[in-house]
Amino acid sequence: MFRIKEVLKEKNMTSIALADGVGVASNTIARINSGVAKPSIELLEKISDTLDVDIRELFKPGKGHSLLNGFVEYKNTIYRIETKEDLKMLLANINK
């Protein structure tokens, strides 16, 4: 799901340096890279800032994954959209 490992290689940076830069333990980055852990939006923002990339560059498309898998920013709030229900909830909030 994430391509943090690839971006680290492109930036010639270690996962330990990234962990130090975002203020987490190095095993947290390892767990994200292996797919064991999913980072919060706040951590993804810190990672993208530290790596100096757009947050969208941290994701890779996956075969068989839902087309709704992603994030939407609306009125300075970021929403995680993983299901149709998530999208319906966001649309209901927008239409209030």
PDB file of N, CA and C in Angstrom:
ATOM      1  N   MET A   1       0.815  -1.189   0.000  1.00  0.00           N
ATOM      2  CA  MET A   1       0.000   0.000   0.000  1.00  0.00           C
ATOM      3  C   MET A   1       0.865   1.262   0.000  1.00  0.00           C
ATOM      4  N   PHE A   2       1.941   1.232   0.761  1.00  0.00           N
ATOM      5  CA  PHE A   2       2.814   2.404   0.831  1.00  0.00           C
ATOM      6  C   PHE A   2       4.108   2.151   0.076  1.00  0.00           C
ATOM      7  N   ARG A   3       4.685   3.210  -0.429  1.00  0.00           N
ATOM      8  CA  ARG A   3       5.961   3.103  -1.125  1.00  0.00           C
ATOM      9  C   ARG A   3       7.030   3.940  -0.433  1.00  0.00           C
ATOM     10  N   ILE A   4       6.951   3.966   0.890  1.00  0.00           N
ATOM     11  CA  ILE A   4       7.904   4.741   1.679  1.00  0.00           C
ATOM     12  C   ILE A   4       9.321   4.220   1.473  1.00  0.00           C
ATOM     13  N   LYS A   5       9.455   2.902   1.431  1.00  0.00           N
ATOM     14  CA  LYS A   5      10.780   2.304   1.229  1.00  0.00           C
ATOM     15  C   LYS A   5      11.398   2.778  -0.087  1.00  0.00           C
ATOM     16  N   GLU A   6      10.586   2.841  -1.145  1.00  0.00           N
ATOM     17  CA  GLU A   6      11.082   3.284  -2.444  1.00  0.00           C
ATOM     18  C   GLU A   6      11.471   4.765  -2.414  1.00  0.00           C
ATOM     19  N   VAL A   7      10.653   5.575  -1.733  1.00  0.00           N
ATOM     20  CA  VAL A   7      10.951   7.006  -1.648  1.00  0.00           C
ATOM     21  C   VAL A   7      12.231   7.221  -0.837  1.00  0.00           C
ATOM     22  N   LEU A   8      12.404   6.447   0.231  1.00  0.00           N
ATOM     23  CA  LEU A   8      13.643   6.543   1.012  1.00  0.00           C
ATOM     24  C   LEU A   8      14.853   6.282   0.122  1.00  0.00           C
ATOM     25  N   LYS A   9      14.753   5.250  -0.712  1.00  0.00           N
ATOM     26  CA  LYS A   9      15.863   4.924  -1.619  1.00  0.00           C
ATOM     27  C   LYS A   9      16.100   6.058  -2.609  1.00  0.00           C
ATOM     28  N   GLU A  10      15.015   6.611  -3.164  1.00  0.00           N
ATOM     29  CA  GLU A  10      15.142   7.726  -4.105  1.00  0.00           C
ATOM     30  C   GLU A  10      15.811   8.939  -3.454  1.00  0.00           C
ATOM     31  N   LYS A  11      15.504   9.147  -2.179  1.00  0.00           N
ATOM     32  CA  LYS A  11      16.037  10.301  -1.447  1.00  0.00           C
ATOM     33  C   LYS A  11      17.376   9.996  -0.776  1.00  0.00           C
ATOM     34  N   ASN A  12      17.871   8.759  -0.957  1.00  0.00           N
ATOM     35  CA  ASN A  12      19.124   8.334  -0.343  1.00  0.00           C
ATOM     36  C   ASN A  12      19.094   8.558   1.176  1.00  0.00           C
ATOM     37  N   MET A  13      18.006   8.096   1.789  1.00  0.00           N
ATOM     38  CA  MET A  13      17.784   8.289   3.217  1.00  0.00           C
ATOM     39  C   MET A  13      17.489   6.935   3.856  1.00  0.00           C
ATOM     40  N   THR A  14      17.878   6.774   5.103  1.00  0.00           N
ATOM     41  CA  THR A  14      17.599   5.526   5.809  1.00  0.00           C
ATOM     42  C   THR A  14      16.281   5.632   6.564  1.00  0.00           C
ATOM     43  N   SER A  15      15.705   4.489   6.876  1.00  0.00           N
ATOM     44  CA  SER A  15      14.476   4.479   7.663  1.00  0.00           C
ATOM     45  C   SER A  15      14.734   4.987   9.077  1.00  0.00           C
ATOM     46  N   ILE A  16      15.952   4.806   9.573  1.00  0.00           N
ATOM     47  CA  ILE A  16      16.309   5.324  10.901  1.00  0.00           C
ATOM     48  C   ILE A  16      16.312   6.850  10.887  1.00  0.00           C
ATOM     49  N   ALA A  17      16.863   7.436   9.826  1.00  0.00           N
ATOM     50  CA  ALA A  17      16.870   8.896   9.705  1.00  0.00           C
ATOM     51  C   ALA A  17      15.439   9.425   9.575  1.00  0.00           C
ATOM     52  N   LEU A  18      14.603   8.708   8.836  1.00  0.00           N
ATOM     53  CA  LEU A  18      13.205   9.108   8.698  1.00  0.00           C
ATOM     54  C   LEU A  18      12.503   9.043  10.051  1.00  0.00           C
ATOM     55  N   ALA A  19      12.706   7.948  10.771  1.00  0.00           N
ATOM     56  CA  ALA A  19      12.085   7.788  12.089  1.00  0.00           C
ATOM     57  C   ALA A  19      12.505   8.924  13.021  1.00  0.00           C
ATOM     58  N   ASP A  20      13.790   9.250  13.014  1.00  0.00           N
ATOM     59  CA  ASP A  20      14.279  10.372  13.829  1.00  0.00           C
ATOM     60  C   ASP A  20      13.621  11.679  13.397  1.00  0.00           C
ATOM     61  N   GLY A  21      13.469  11.868  12.101  1.00  0.00           N
ATOM     62  CA  GLY A  21      12.903  13.102  11.562  1.00  0.00           C
ATOM     63  C   GLY A  21      11.436  13.301  11.916  1.00  0.00           C
ATOM     64  N   VAL A  22      10.700  12.201  12.040  1.00  0.00           N
ATOM     65  CA  VAL A  22       9.274  12.319  12.348  1.00  0.00           C
ATOM     66  C   VAL A  22       8.963  12.043  13.812  1.00  0.00           C
ATOM     67  N   GLY A  23       9.979  11.630  14.565  1.00  0.00           N
ATOM     68  CA  GLY A  23       9.800  11.437  16.005  1.00  0.00           C
ATOM     69  C   GLY A  23       9.133  10.136  16.406  1.00  0.00           C
ATOM     70  N   VAL A  24       9.436   9.064  15.672  1.00  0.00           N
ATOM     71  CA  VAL A  24       8.919   7.746  16.047  1.00  0.00           C
ATOM     72  C   VAL A  24      10.079   6.766  16.135  1.00  0.00           C
ATOM     73  N   ALA A  25       9.818   5.606  16.715  1.00  0.00           N
ATOM     74  CA  ALA A  25      10.836   4.559  16.788  1.00  0.00           C
ATOM     75  C   ALA A  25      11.080   3.983  15.394  1.00  0.00           C
ATOM     76  N   SER A  26      12.292   3.534  15.157  1.00  0.00           N
ATOM     77  CA  SER A  26      12.619   3.003  13.828  1.00  0.00           C
ATOM     78  C   SER A  26      11.789   1.776  13.486  1.00  0.00           C
ATOM     79  N   ASN A  27      11.370   1.006  14.510  1.00  0.00           N
ATOM     80  CA  ASN A  27      10.546  -0.164  14.200  1.00  0.00           C
ATOM     81  C   ASN A  27       9.148   0.234  13.720  1.00  0.00           C
ATOM     82  N   THR A  28       8.715   1.451  14.033  1.00  0.00           N
ATOM     83  CA  THR A  28       7.429   1.935  13.524  1.00  0.00           C
ATOM     84  C   THR A  28       7.487   2.062  12.008  1.00  0.00           C
ATOM     85  N   ILE A  29       8.569   2.634  11.502  1.00  0.00           N
ATOM     86  CA  ILE A  29       8.742   2.760  10.042  1.00  0.00           C
ATOM     87  C   ILE A  29       8.851   1.377   9.412  1.00  0.00           C
ATOM     88  N   ALA A  30       9.572   0.476  10.058  1.00  0.00           N
ATOM     89  CA  ALA A  30       9.708  -0.895   9.548  1.00  0.00           C
ATOM     90  C   ALA A  30       8.352  -1.590   9.487  1.00  0.00           C
ATOM     91  N   ARG A  31       7.511  -1.382  10.491  1.00  0.00           N
ATOM     92  CA  ARG A  31       6.189  -2.005  10.519  1.00  0.00           C
ATOM     93  C   ARG A  31       5.290  -1.439   9.423  1.00  0.00           C
ATOM     94  N   ILE A  32       5.415  -0.146   9.146  1.00  0.00           N
ATOM     95  CA  ILE A  32       4.642   0.465   8.060  1.00  0.00           C
ATOM     96  C   ILE A  32       5.110  -0.102   6.723  1.00  0.00           C
ATOM     97  N   ASN A  33       6.433  -0.180   6.537  1.00  0.00           N
ATOM     98  CA  ASN A  33       6.988  -0.694   5.280  1.00  0.00           C
ATOM     99  C   ASN A  33       6.597  -2.142   5.022  1.00  0.00           C
ATOM    100  N   SER A  34       6.461  -2.929   6.091  1.00  0.00           N
ATOM    101  CA  SER A  34       6.110  -4.345   5.923  1.00  0.00           C
ATOM    102  C   SER A  34       4.602  -4.570   5.843  1.00  0.00           C
ATOM    103  N   GLY A  35       3.818  -3.509   6.059  1.00  0.00           N
ATOM    104  CA  GLY A  35       2.368  -3.627   5.970  1.00  0.00           C
ATOM    105  C   GLY A  35       1.705  -4.075   7.259  1.00  0.00           C
ATOM    106  N   VAL A  36       2.486  -4.200   8.330  1.00  0.00           N
ATOM    107  CA  VAL A  36       1.938  -4.622   9.614  1.00  0.00           C
ATOM    108  C   VAL A  36       1.167  -3.485  10.282  1.00  0.00           C
ATOM    109  N   ALA A  37       1.637  -2.257  10.109  1.00  0.00           N
ATOM    110  CA  ALA A  37       1.004  -1.094  10.736  1.00  0.00           C
ATOM    111  C   ALA A  37       0.564  -0.106   9.671  1.00  0.00           C
ATOM    112  N   LYS A  38      -0.521   0.604   9.985  1.00  0.00           N
ATOM    113  CA  LYS A  38      -0.993   1.674   9.104  1.00  0.00           C
ATOM    114  C   LYS A  38      -0.834   2.987   9.853  1.00  0.00           C
ATOM    115  N   PRO A  39      -0.110   3.923   9.250  1.00  0.00           N
ATOM    116  CA  PRO A  39       0.132   5.199   9.936  1.00  0.00           C
ATOM    117  C   PRO A  39      -1.099   6.090   9.949  1.00  0.00           C
ATOM    118  N   SER A  40      -1.143   6.970  10.917  1.00  0.00           N
ATOM    119  CA  SER A  40      -2.207   7.969  10.970  1.00  0.00           C
ATOM    120  C   SER A  40      -1.959   9.010   9.879  1.00  0.00           C
ATOM    121  N   ILE A  41      -2.970   9.797   9.610  1.00  0.00           N
ATOM    122  CA  ILE A  41      -2.832  10.887   8.638  1.00  0.00           C
ATOM    123  C   ILE A  41      -1.727  11.843   9.099  1.00  0.00           C
ATOM    124  N   GLU A  42      -1.710  12.123  10.400  1.00  0.00           N
ATOM    125  CA  GLU A  42      -0.710  13.056  10.938  1.00  0.00           C
ATOM    126  C   GLU A  42       0.704  12.535  10.704  1.00  0.00           C
ATOM    127  N   LEU A  43       0.905  11.221  10.917  1.00  0.00           N
ATOM    128  CA  LEU A  43       2.232  10.650  10.691  1.00  0.00           C
ATOM    129  C   LEU A  43       2.586  10.675   9.210  1.00  0.00           C
ATOM    130  N   LEU A  44       1.614  10.392   8.354  1.00  0.00           N
ATOM    131  CA  LEU A  44       1.878  10.462   6.906  1.00  0.00           C
ATOM    132  C   LEU A  44       2.274  11.873   6.488  1.00  0.00           C
ATOM    133  N   GLU A  45       1.627  12.865   7.069  1.00  0.00           N
ATOM    134  CA  GLU A  45       1.992  14.251   6.759  1.00  0.00           C
ATOM    135  C   GLU A  45       3.418  14.543   7.208  1.00  0.00           C
ATOM    136  N   LYS A  46       3.803  14.064   8.387  1.00  0.00           N
ATOM    137  CA  LYS A  46       5.174  14.265   8.875  1.00  0.00           C
ATOM    138  C   LYS A  46       6.178  13.548   7.978  1.00  0.00           C
ATOM    139  N   ILE A  47       5.828  12.334   7.567  1.00  0.00           N
ATOM    140  CA  ILE A  47       6.718  11.578   6.679  1.00  0.00           C
ATOM    141  C   ILE A  47       6.890  12.306   5.352  1.00  0.00           C
ATOM    142  N   SER A  48       5.785  12.768   4.772  1.00  0.00           N
ATOM    143  CA  SER A  48       5.894  13.464   3.479  1.00  0.00           C
ATOM    144  C   SER A  48       6.685  14.761   3.624  1.00  0.00           C
ATOM    145  N   ASP A  49       6.504  15.471   4.738  1.00  0.00           N
ATOM    146  CA  ASP A  49       7.283  16.693   4.970  1.00  0.00           C
ATOM    147  C   ASP A  49       8.762  16.376   5.113  1.00  0.00           C
ATOM    148  N   THR A  50       9.072  15.350   5.889  1.00  0.00           N
ATOM    149  CA  THR A  50      10.471  14.980   6.117  1.00  0.00           C
ATOM    150  C   THR A  50      11.137  14.522   4.830  1.00  0.00           C
ATOM    151  N   LEU A  51      10.393  13.788   4.007  1.00  0.00           N
ATOM    152  CA  LEU A  51      10.941  13.304   2.734  1.00  0.00           C
ATOM    153  C   LEU A  51      10.834  14.343   1.617  1.00  0.00           C
ATOM    154  N   ASP A  52      10.151  15.449   1.907  1.00  0.00           N
ATOM    155  CA  ASP A  52       9.956  16.526   0.947  1.00  0.00           C
ATOM    156  C   ASP A  52       9.295  16.026  -0.336  1.00  0.00           C
ATOM    157  N   VAL A  53       8.180  15.287  -0.141  1.00  0.00           N
ATOM    158  CA  VAL A  53       7.388  14.800  -1.267  1.00  0.00           C
ATOM    159  C   VAL A  53       5.919  15.079  -0.986  1.00  0.00           C
ATOM    160  N   ASP A  54       5.135  15.120  -2.031  1.00  0.00           N
ATOM    161  CA  ASP A  54       3.687  15.213  -1.896  1.00  0.00           C
ATOM    162  C   ASP A  54       3.205  13.936  -1.224  1.00  0.00           C
ATOM    163  N   ILE A  55       2.245  14.050  -0.325  1.00  0.00           N
ATOM    164  CA  ILE A  55       1.762  12.885   0.422  1.00  0.00           C
ATOM    165  C   ILE A  55       1.286  11.767  -0.509  1.00  0.00           C
ATOM    166  N   ARG A  56       0.795  12.119  -1.681  1.00  0.00           N
ATOM    167  CA  ARG A  56       0.307  11.112  -2.627  1.00  0.00           C
ATOM    168  C   ARG A  56       1.425  10.208  -3.127  1.00  0.00           C
ATOM    169  N   GLU A  57       2.669  10.700  -3.085  1.00  0.00           N
ATOM    170  CA  GLU A  57       3.798   9.884  -3.538  1.00  0.00           C
ATOM    171  C   GLU A  57       4.124   8.746  -2.579  1.00  0.00           C
ATOM    172  N   LEU A  58       3.540   8.760  -1.394  1.00  0.00           N
ATOM    173  CA  LEU A  58       3.796   7.707  -0.412  1.00  0.00           C
ATOM    174  C   LEU A  58       2.942   6.467  -0.654  1.00  0.00           C
ATOM    175  N   PHE A  59       1.965   6.565  -1.556  1.00  0.00           N
ATOM    176  CA  PHE A  59       1.053   5.457  -1.828  1.00  0.00           C
ATOM    177  C   PHE A  59       1.371   4.813  -3.159  1.00  0.00           C
ATOM    178  N   LYS A  60       1.149   3.515  -3.226  1.00  0.00           N
ATOM    179  CA  LYS A  60       1.281   2.833  -4.509  1.00  0.00           C
ATOM    180  C   LYS A  60      -0.025   2.126  -4.805  1.00  0.00           C
ATOM    181  N   PRO A  61      -0.401   2.121  -6.060  1.00  0.00           N
ATOM    182  CA  PRO A  61      -1.635   1.424  -6.398  1.00  0.00           C
ATOM    183  C   PRO A  61      -1.437  -0.075  -6.216  1.00  0.00           C
ATOM    184  N   GLY A  62      -2.428  -0.723  -5.727  1.00  0.00           N
ATOM    185  CA  GLY A  62      -2.334  -2.160  -5.522  1.00  0.00           C
ATOM    186  C   GLY A  62      -3.378  -2.901  -6.310  1.00  0.00           C
ATOM    187  N   LYS A  63      -2.977  -3.991  -6.901  1.00  0.00           N
ATOM    188  CA  LYS A  63      -3.900  -4.801  -7.686  1.00  0.00           C
ATOM    189  C   LYS A  63      -4.964  -5.370  -6.751  1.00  0.00           C
ATOM    190  N   GLY A  64      -6.202  -5.194  -7.121  1.00  0.00           N
ATOM    191  CA  GLY A  64      -7.295  -5.727  -6.327  1.00  0.00           C
ATOM    192  C   GLY A  64      -7.752  -4.826  -5.198  1.00  0.00           C
ATOM    193  N   HIS A  65      -7.098  -3.689  -5.026  1.00  0.00           N
ATOM    194  CA  HIS A  65      -7.520  -2.763  -3.976  1.00  0.00           C
ATOM    195  C   HIS A  65      -8.691  -1.931  -4.467  1.00  0.00           C
ATOM    196  N   SER A  66      -9.490  -1.494  -3.535  1.00  0.00           N
ATOM    197  CA  SER A  66     -10.656  -0.683  -3.851  1.00  0.00           C
ATOM    198  C   SER A  66     -10.232   0.632  -4.483  1.00  0.00           C
ATOM    199  N   LEU A  67     -10.987   1.080  -5.454  1.00  0.00           N
ATOM    200  CA  LEU A  67     -10.704   2.365  -6.082  1.00  0.00           C
ATOM    201  C   LEU A  67     -10.962   3.516  -5.117  1.00  0.00           C
ATOM    202  N   LEU A  68     -11.703   3.247  -4.033  1.00  0.00           N
ATOM    203  CA  LEU A  68     -12.018   4.286  -3.068  1.00  0.00           C
ATOM    204  C   LEU A  68     -10.977   4.387  -1.965  1.00  0.00           C
ATOM    205  N   ASN A  69      -9.906   3.675  -2.086  1.00  0.00           N
ATOM    206  CA  ASN A  69      -8.885   3.680  -1.047  1.00  0.00           C
ATOM    207  C   ASN A  69      -8.030   4.933  -1.180  1.00  0.00           C
ATOM    208  N   GLY A  70      -8.203   5.867  -0.247  1.00  0.00           N
ATOM    209  CA  GLY A  70      -7.420   7.083  -0.328  1.00  0.00           C
ATOM    210  C   GLY A  70      -7.850   8.096   0.705  1.00  0.00           C
ATOM    211  N   PHE A  71      -7.458   9.317   0.487  1.00  0.00           N
ATOM    212  CA  PHE A  71      -7.712  10.396   1.416  1.00  0.00           C
ATOM    213  C   PHE A  71      -8.296  11.584   0.662  1.00  0.00           C
ATOM    214  N   VAL A  72      -9.174  12.307   1.339  1.00  0.00           N
ATOM    215  CA  VAL A  72      -9.798  13.488   0.762  1.00  0.00           C
ATOM    216  C   VAL A  72      -9.658  14.617   1.765  1.00  0.00           C
ATOM    217  N   GLU A  73      -9.268  15.788   1.288  1.00  0.00           N
ATOM    218  CA  GLU A  73      -9.213  16.959   2.151  1.00  0.00           C
ATOM    219  C   GLU A  73     -10.408  17.837   1.843  1.00  0.00           C
ATOM    220  N   TYR A  74     -11.144  18.213   2.895  1.00  0.00           N
ATOM    221  CA  TYR A  74     -12.303  19.085   2.747  1.00  0.00           C
ATOM    222  C   TYR A  74     -12.331  20.034   3.931  1.00  0.00           C
ATOM    223  N   LYS A  75     -12.312  21.327   3.648  1.00  0.00           N
ATOM    224  CA  LYS A  75     -12.317  22.375   4.683  1.00  0.00           C
ATOM    225  C   LYS A  75     -11.229  22.134   5.726  1.00  0.00           C
ATOM    226  N   ASN A  76     -10.007  21.927   5.241  1.00  0.00           N
ATOM    227  CA  ASN A  76      -8.817  21.753   6.078  1.00  0.00           C
ATOM    228  C   ASN A  76      -8.853  20.516   6.962  1.00  0.00           C
ATOM    229  N   THR A  77      -9.714  19.555   6.652  1.00  0.00           N
ATOM    230  CA  THR A  77      -9.747  18.290   7.369  1.00  0.00           C
ATOM    231  C   THR A  77      -9.517  17.176   6.363  1.00  0.00           C
ATOM    232  N   ILE A  78      -8.682  16.208   6.733  1.00  0.00           N
ATOM    233  CA  ILE A  78      -8.393  15.086   5.849  1.00  0.00           C
ATOM    234  C   ILE A  78      -9.218  13.886   6.308  1.00  0.00           C
ATOM    235  N   TYR A  79      -9.920  13.279   5.356  1.00  0.00           N
ATOM    236  CA  TYR A  79     -10.761  12.122   5.627  1.00  0.00           C
ATOM    237  C   TYR A  79     -10.179  10.903   4.929  1.00  0.00           C
ATOM    238  N   ARG A  80     -10.188   9.772   5.623  1.00  0.00           N
ATOM    239  CA  ARG A  80      -9.749   8.513   5.021  1.00  0.00           C
ATOM    240  C   ARG A  80     -10.972   7.866   4.378  1.00  0.00           C
ATOM    241  N   ILE A  81     -10.867   7.538   3.099  1.00  0.00           N
ATOM    242  CA  ILE A  81     -11.952   6.921   2.358  1.00  0.00           C
ATOM    243  C   ILE A  81     -11.506   5.518   1.959  1.00  0.00           C
ATOM    244  N   GLU A  82     -12.116   4.515   2.580  1.00  0.00           N
ATOM    245  CA  GLU A  82     -11.776   3.128   2.267  1.00  0.00           C
ATOM    246  C   GLU A  82     -12.968   2.343   1.721  1.00  0.00           C
ATOM    247  N   THR A  83     -14.163   2.820   2.018  1.00  0.00           N
ATOM    248  CA  THR A  83     -15.362   2.098   1.589  1.00  0.00           C
ATOM    249  C   THR A  83     -16.383   3.078   1.018  1.00  0.00           C
ATOM    250  N   LYS A  84     -17.392   2.545   0.393  1.00  0.00           N
ATOM    251  CA  LYS A  84     -18.477   3.390  -0.098  1.00  0.00           C
ATOM    252  C   LYS A  84     -19.179   4.092   1.053  1.00  0.00           C
ATOM    253  N   GLU A  85     -19.259   3.418   2.195  1.00  0.00           N
ATOM    254  CA  GLU A  85     -19.896   4.013   3.365  1.00  0.00           C
ATOM    255  C   GLU A  85     -19.120   5.245   3.832  1.00  0.00           C
ATOM    256  N   ASP A  86     -17.782   5.169   3.806  1.00  0.00           N
ATOM    257  CA  ASP A  86     -16.958   6.333   4.169  1.00  0.00           C
ATOM    258  C   ASP A  86     -17.257   7.503   3.240  1.00  0.00           C
ATOM    259  N   LEU A  87     -17.373   7.214   1.951  1.00  0.00           N
ATOM    260  CA  LEU A  87     -17.649   8.251   0.977  1.00  0.00           C
ATOM    261  C   LEU A  87     -19.043   8.835   1.197  1.00  0.00           C
ATOM    262  N   LYS A  88     -20.017   7.977   1.460  1.00  0.00           N
ATOM    263  CA  LYS A  88     -21.373   8.448   1.725  1.00  0.00           C
ATOM    264  C   LYS A  88     -21.403   9.359   2.952  1.00  0.00           C
ATOM    265  N   MET A  89     -20.648   8.986   3.997  1.00  0.00           N
ATOM    266  CA  MET A  89     -20.608   9.798   5.204  1.00  0.00           C
ATOM    267  C   MET A  89     -20.010  11.174   4.921  1.00  0.00           C
ATOM    268  N   LEU A  90     -18.929  11.205   4.147  1.00  0.00           N
ATOM    269  CA  LEU A  90     -18.301  12.467   3.793  1.00  0.00           C
ATOM    270  C   LEU A  90     -19.273  13.331   2.985  1.00  0.00           C
ATOM    271  N   LEU A  91     -19.929  12.734   2.008  1.00  0.00           N
ATOM    272  CA  LEU A  91     -20.877  13.486   1.182  1.00  0.00           C
ATOM    273  C   LEU A  91     -22.046  14.005   2.010  1.00  0.00           C
ATOM    274  N   ALA A  92     -22.494  13.213   2.977  1.00  0.00           N
ATOM    275  CA  ALA A  92     -23.583  13.654   3.862  1.00  0.00           C
ATOM    276  C   ALA A  92     -23.140  14.853   4.682  1.00  0.00           C
ATOM    277  N   ASN A  93     -21.894  14.863   5.155  1.00  0.00           N
ATOM    278  CA  ASN A  93     -21.364  16.005   5.924  1.00  0.00           C
ATOM    279  C   ASN A  93     -21.228  17.243   5.059  1.00  0.00           C
ATOM    280  N   ILE A  94     -20.857  17.059   3.813  1.00  0.00           N
ATOM    281  CA  ILE A  94     -20.703  18.201   2.893  1.00  0.00           C
ATOM    282  C   ILE A  94     -22.066  18.819   2.597  1.00  0.00           C
ATOM    283  N   ASN A  95     -23.070  17.986   2.494  1.00  0.00           N
ATOM    284  CA  ASN A  95     -24.404  18.467   2.115  1.00  0.00           C
ATOM    285  C   ASN A  95     -25.206  19.000   3.268  1.00  0.00           C
ATOM    286  N   LYS A  96     -24.649  19.077   4.461  1.00  0.00           N
ATOM    287  CA  LYS A  96     -25.383  19.599   5.630  1.00  0.00           C
ATOM    288  C   LYS A  96     -25.539  21.082   5.532  1.00  0.00           C
TER     289      LYS A  96
END
